Amino acid sequence: MSDEQLQQARIELEAGASYDCEIWPENLPTVEVFLAMEKQWRMLVLPTSIRYMGLRYEALPIVLQGLELEMSKVLFSGLQIMEREALDVLNEKN
């Protein structure tokens, strides 16, 4: 998702727009960070499958800087929750 798309989503959410997946405005920074980390998955490549292990947190400071966000306990906790849920879904397919 581009910066313009994220900004548009933020504007639409603040205006009360609804999507197939509702994102509460207070959770939008966490979702933005999670989406921006999409290429930062640690993976274990096995002969017959790929196993997702988790996010590469060493990339997080660069992602936060790019999004002009600051780390907080709430944001970090939300990111870990999204990571755990995504791992369940990603590894279910493999």
N, C-alpha and C. Protein backbone atom coordinates (compact mmCIF):
# COMPACT_ATOMS: atom_id res chain seq x y z
N MET A 1 0.85 -1.16 0.00
CA MET A 1 0.00 0.00 0.00
C MET A 1 0.90 1.23 0.00
N SER A 2 0.65 2.15 -0.90
CA SER A 2 1.47 3.36 -1.00
C SER A 2 1.12 4.35 0.11
N ASP A 3 2.00 5.33 0.27
CA ASP A 3 1.75 6.40 1.26
C ASP A 3 0.44 7.12 0.96
N GLU A 4 0.19 7.34 -0.33
CA GLU A 4 -1.04 8.02 -0.72
C GLU A 4 -2.27 7.19 -0.36
N GLN A 5 -2.19 5.88 -0.57
CA GLN A 5 -3.32 5.01 -0.24
C GLN A 5 -3.54 4.97 1.27
N LEU A 6 -2.45 4.93 2.05
CA LEU A 6 -2.59 4.93 3.51
C LEU A 6 -3.22 6.23 3.99
N GLN A 7 -2.77 7.34 3.43
CA GLN A 7 -3.33 8.64 3.80
C GLN A 7 -4.81 8.70 3.44
N GLN A 8 -5.15 8.20 2.25
CA GLN A 8 -6.56 8.19 1.83
C GLN A 8 -7.39 7.32 2.75
N ALA A 9 -6.86 6.16 3.14
CA ALA A 9 -7.58 5.28 4.07
C ALA A 9 -7.80 5.97 5.40
N ARG A 10 -6.78 6.68 5.88
CA ARG A 10 -6.91 7.42 7.15
C ARG A 10 -8.01 8.48 7.04
N ILE A 11 -8.02 9.22 5.95
CA ILE A 11 -9.04 10.26 5.74
C ILE A 11 -10.43 9.63 5.70
N GLU A 12 -10.56 8.54 4.96
CA GLU A 12 -11.86 7.87 4.84
C GLU A 12 -12.31 7.29 6.17
N LEU A 13 -11.37 6.72 6.94
CA LEU A 13 -11.74 6.17 8.25
C LEU A 13 -12.21 7.27 9.19
N GLU A 14 -11.50 8.38 9.18
CA GLU A 14 -11.89 9.50 10.04
C GLU A 14 -13.25 10.06 9.63
N ALA A 15 -13.60 9.92 8.35
CA ALA A 15 -14.89 10.39 7.84
C ALA A 15 -16.00 9.36 8.06
N GLY A 16 -15.64 8.19 8.58
CA GLY A 16 -16.65 7.19 8.88
C GLY A 16 -16.86 6.14 7.80
N ALA A 17 -15.94 6.06 6.84
CA ALA A 17 -16.07 5.05 5.78
C ALA A 17 -15.96 3.65 6.37
N SER A 18 -16.62 2.70 5.72
CA SER A 18 -16.52 1.32 6.18
C SER A 18 -15.87 0.46 5.10
N TYR A 19 -15.15 -0.56 5.52
CA TYR A 19 -14.47 -1.47 4.62
C TYR A 19 -14.87 -2.89 5.01
N ASP A 20 -14.46 -3.85 4.19
CA ASP A 20 -14.71 -5.24 4.53
C ASP A 20 -14.07 -5.59 5.87
N CYS A 21 -12.97 -4.94 6.18
CA CYS A 21 -12.27 -5.14 7.43
C CYS A 21 -12.22 -3.80 8.16
N GLU A 22 -12.92 -3.71 9.25
CA GLU A 22 -12.95 -2.45 9.98
C GLU A 22 -11.65 -2.25 10.76
N ILE A 23 -11.09 -1.06 10.64
CA ILE A 23 -9.90 -0.70 11.41
C ILE A 23 -10.26 0.51 12.26
N TRP A 24 -10.19 0.35 13.56
CA TRP A 24 -10.46 1.48 14.43
C TRP A 24 -9.35 2.50 14.27
N PRO A 25 -9.68 3.77 14.27
CA PRO A 25 -8.66 4.81 14.06
C PRO A 25 -7.46 4.69 15.00
N GLU A 26 -7.67 4.29 16.22
CA GLU A 26 -6.54 4.17 17.17
C GLU A 26 -5.61 3.01 16.81
N ASN A 27 -6.08 2.08 15.97
CA ASN A 27 -5.24 0.95 15.54
C ASN A 27 -4.57 1.18 14.19
N LEU A 28 -4.90 2.27 13.52
CA LEU A 28 -4.37 2.51 12.19
C LEU A 28 -2.84 2.56 12.15
N PRO A 29 -2.15 3.21 13.10
CA PRO A 29 -0.68 3.19 13.04
C PRO A 29 -0.12 1.77 13.09
N THR A 30 -0.70 0.91 13.91
CA THR A 30 -0.23 -0.48 13.99
C THR A 30 -0.43 -1.19 12.66
N VAL A 31 -1.57 -0.99 12.04
CA VAL A 31 -1.85 -1.62 10.76
C VAL A 31 -0.89 -1.08 9.70
N GLU A 32 -0.64 0.22 9.72
CA GLU A 32 0.30 0.82 8.76
C GLU A 32 1.69 0.19 8.90
N VAL A 33 2.15 0.03 10.13
CA VAL A 33 3.47 -0.56 10.36
C VAL A 33 3.48 -2.02 9.90
N PHE A 34 2.45 -2.76 10.26
CA PHE A 34 2.37 -4.17 9.86
C PHE A 34 2.42 -4.31 8.34
N LEU A 35 1.65 -3.50 7.64
CA LEU A 35 1.63 -3.56 6.18
C LEU A 35 2.97 -3.14 5.58
N ALA A 36 3.61 -2.16 6.19
CA ALA A 36 4.91 -1.71 5.70
C ALA A 36 6.00 -2.76 5.94
N MET A 37 5.77 -3.68 6.87
CA MET A 37 6.74 -4.74 7.17
C MET A 37 6.50 -5.98 6.31
N GLU A 38 5.67 -5.87 5.29
CA GLU A 38 5.26 -7.05 4.52
C GLU A 38 6.41 -7.84 3.91
N LYS A 39 7.52 -7.22 3.63
CA LYS A 39 8.66 -7.92 3.03
C LYS A 39 9.70 -8.33 4.08
N GLN A 40 9.34 -8.24 5.35
CA GLN A 40 10.30 -8.47 6.42
C GLN A 40 10.03 -9.74 7.22
N TRP A 41 9.56 -10.78 6.56
CA TRP A 41 9.29 -12.05 7.23
C TRP A 41 10.53 -12.94 7.24
N ARG A 42 10.83 -13.53 8.38
CA ARG A 42 11.84 -14.58 8.45
C ARG A 42 11.14 -15.87 8.02
N MET A 43 11.79 -16.58 7.08
CA MET A 43 11.19 -17.80 6.57
C MET A 43 12.20 -18.93 6.62
N LEU A 44 11.69 -20.11 6.86
CA LEU A 44 12.48 -21.33 6.82
C LEU A 44 12.02 -22.10 5.59
N VAL A 45 12.92 -22.26 4.64
CA VAL A 45 12.57 -22.96 3.40
C VAL A 45 12.91 -24.43 3.56
N LEU A 46 11.88 -25.26 3.50
CA LEU A 46 12.02 -26.70 3.63
C LEU A 46 11.83 -27.34 2.26
N PRO A 47 12.21 -28.59 2.09
CA PRO A 47 12.06 -29.23 0.77
C PRO A 47 10.63 -29.21 0.23
N THR A 48 9.65 -29.30 1.10
CA THR A 48 8.27 -29.39 0.61
C THR A 48 7.40 -28.19 1.00
N SER A 49 7.96 -27.23 1.73
CA SER A 49 7.13 -26.10 2.15
C SER A 49 8.01 -24.94 2.62
N ILE A 50 7.35 -23.86 2.92
CA ILE A 50 7.99 -22.69 3.53
C ILE A 50 7.32 -22.46 4.87
N ARG A 51 8.12 -22.24 5.89
CA ARG A 51 7.59 -21.99 7.23
C ARG A 51 7.93 -20.55 7.61
N TYR A 52 6.91 -19.76 7.88
CA TYR A 52 7.11 -18.39 8.33
C TYR A 52 7.43 -18.40 9.82
N MET A 53 8.52 -17.72 10.19
CA MET A 53 9.00 -17.76 11.58
C MET A 53 8.64 -16.50 12.37
N GLY A 54 8.49 -15.38 11.70
CA GLY A 54 8.17 -14.13 12.39
C GLY A 54 8.76 -12.96 11.63
N LEU A 55 8.50 -11.77 12.12
CA LEU A 55 9.00 -10.57 11.49
C LEU A 55 10.45 -10.30 11.83
N ARG A 56 11.14 -9.63 10.94
CA ARG A 56 12.53 -9.21 11.16
C ARG A 56 12.47 -7.85 11.87
N TYR A 57 12.54 -7.87 13.18
CA TYR A 57 12.37 -6.66 13.96
C TYR A 57 13.52 -5.67 13.80
N GLU A 58 14.66 -6.13 13.26
CA GLU A 58 15.75 -5.18 13.03
C GLU A 58 15.38 -4.16 11.96
N ALA A 59 14.38 -4.45 11.14
CA ALA A 59 13.92 -3.51 10.12
C ALA A 59 12.92 -2.49 10.68
N LEU A 60 12.41 -2.73 11.86
CA LEU A 60 11.36 -1.89 12.42
C LEU A 60 11.76 -0.42 12.56
N PRO A 61 12.94 -0.08 13.06
CA PRO A 61 13.29 1.35 13.16
C PRO A 61 13.24 2.08 11.81
N ILE A 62 13.67 1.42 10.75
CA ILE A 62 13.65 2.04 9.43
C ILE A 62 12.22 2.23 8.95
N VAL A 63 11.38 1.23 9.19
CA VAL A 63 9.97 1.33 8.81
C VAL A 63 9.30 2.46 9.57
N LEU A 64 9.53 2.54 10.87
CA LEU A 64 8.93 3.62 11.67
C LEU A 64 9.38 4.98 11.18
N GLN A 65 10.67 5.10 10.87
CA GLN A 65 11.20 6.37 10.36
C GLN A 65 10.52 6.73 9.03
N GLY A 66 10.38 5.75 8.16
CA GLY A 66 9.75 6.00 6.87
C GLY A 66 8.29 6.42 6.99
N LEU A 67 7.62 5.91 8.00
CA LEU A 67 6.21 6.26 8.23
C LEU A 67 6.05 7.48 9.12
N GLU A 68 7.19 8.00 9.61
CA GLU A 68 7.20 9.13 10.53
C GLU A 68 6.37 8.84 11.78
N LEU A 69 6.58 7.64 12.33
CA LEU A 69 5.92 7.21 13.56
C LEU A 69 6.96 6.93 14.62
N GLU A 70 6.55 7.00 15.88
CA GLU A 70 7.43 6.66 16.98
C GLU A 70 6.92 5.38 17.65
N MET A 71 7.87 4.58 18.13
CA MET A 71 7.52 3.33 18.81
C MET A 71 6.85 3.65 20.15
N SER A 72 5.85 2.87 20.46
CA SER A 72 5.19 2.94 21.77
C SER A 72 4.88 1.51 22.20
N LYS A 73 4.58 1.34 23.46
CA LYS A 73 4.21 0.01 23.96
C LYS A 73 2.96 -0.50 23.26
N VAL A 74 2.01 0.38 23.04
CA VAL A 74 0.75 -0.01 22.40
C VAL A 74 1.00 -0.45 20.96
N LEU A 75 1.81 0.32 20.23
CA LEU A 75 2.10 -0.03 18.83
C LEU A 75 2.85 -1.35 18.76
N PHE A 76 3.86 -1.52 19.60
CA PHE A 76 4.66 -2.76 19.58
C PHE A 76 3.80 -3.97 19.94
N SER A 77 2.97 -3.82 20.94
CA SER A 77 2.08 -4.91 21.35
C SER A 77 1.11 -5.27 20.22
N GLY A 78 0.55 -4.25 19.59
CA GLY A 78 -0.38 -4.49 18.48
C GLY A 78 0.30 -5.19 17.32
N LEU A 79 1.55 -4.78 17.03
CA LEU A 79 2.30 -5.42 15.95
C LEU A 79 2.54 -6.89 16.26
N GLN A 80 2.87 -7.20 17.50
CA GLN A 80 3.09 -8.60 17.87
C GLN A 80 1.80 -9.42 17.78
N ILE A 81 0.69 -8.83 18.13
CA ILE A 81 -0.60 -9.53 18.01
C ILE A 81 -0.89 -9.83 16.55
N MET A 82 -0.69 -8.83 15.68
CA MET A 82 -0.94 -9.04 14.26
C MET A 82 0.02 -10.08 13.69
N GLU A 83 1.27 -10.06 14.14
CA GLU A 83 2.26 -11.04 13.69
C GLU A 83 1.83 -12.46 14.06
N ARG A 84 1.41 -12.66 15.31
CA ARG A 84 0.99 -14.00 15.74
C ARG A 84 -0.19 -14.50 14.93
N GLU A 85 -1.15 -13.65 14.70
CA GLU A 85 -2.32 -14.05 13.92
C GLU A 85 -1.94 -14.36 12.48
N ALA A 86 -1.08 -13.52 11.90
CA ALA A 86 -0.63 -13.75 10.53
C ALA A 86 0.15 -15.04 10.41
N LEU A 87 0.98 -15.34 11.41
CA LEU A 87 1.75 -16.59 11.38
C LEU A 87 0.83 -17.81 11.32
N ASP A 88 -0.23 -17.77 12.09
CA ASP A 88 -1.20 -18.88 12.06
C ASP A 88 -1.77 -19.07 10.66
N VAL A 89 -2.14 -17.97 10.02
CA VAL A 89 -2.73 -18.04 8.68
C VAL A 89 -1.69 -18.44 7.64
N LEU A 90 -0.53 -17.79 7.67
CA LEU A 90 0.51 -18.08 6.68
C LEU A 90 1.00 -19.53 6.76
N ASN A 91 1.18 -20.03 7.97
CA ASN A 91 1.70 -21.38 8.12
C ASN A 91 0.63 -22.45 7.93
N GLU A 92 -0.61 -22.06 7.99
CA GLU A 92 -1.72 -22.99 7.74
C GLU A 92 -1.71 -23.42 6.27
N LYS A 93 -1.31 -22.52 5.38
CA LYS A 93 -1.30 -22.81 3.95
C LYS A 93 -0.16 -23.73 3.56
N ASN A 94 0.91 -23.77 4.36
CA ASN A 94 2.11 -24.52 3.97
C ASN A 94 2.17 -25.87 4.63
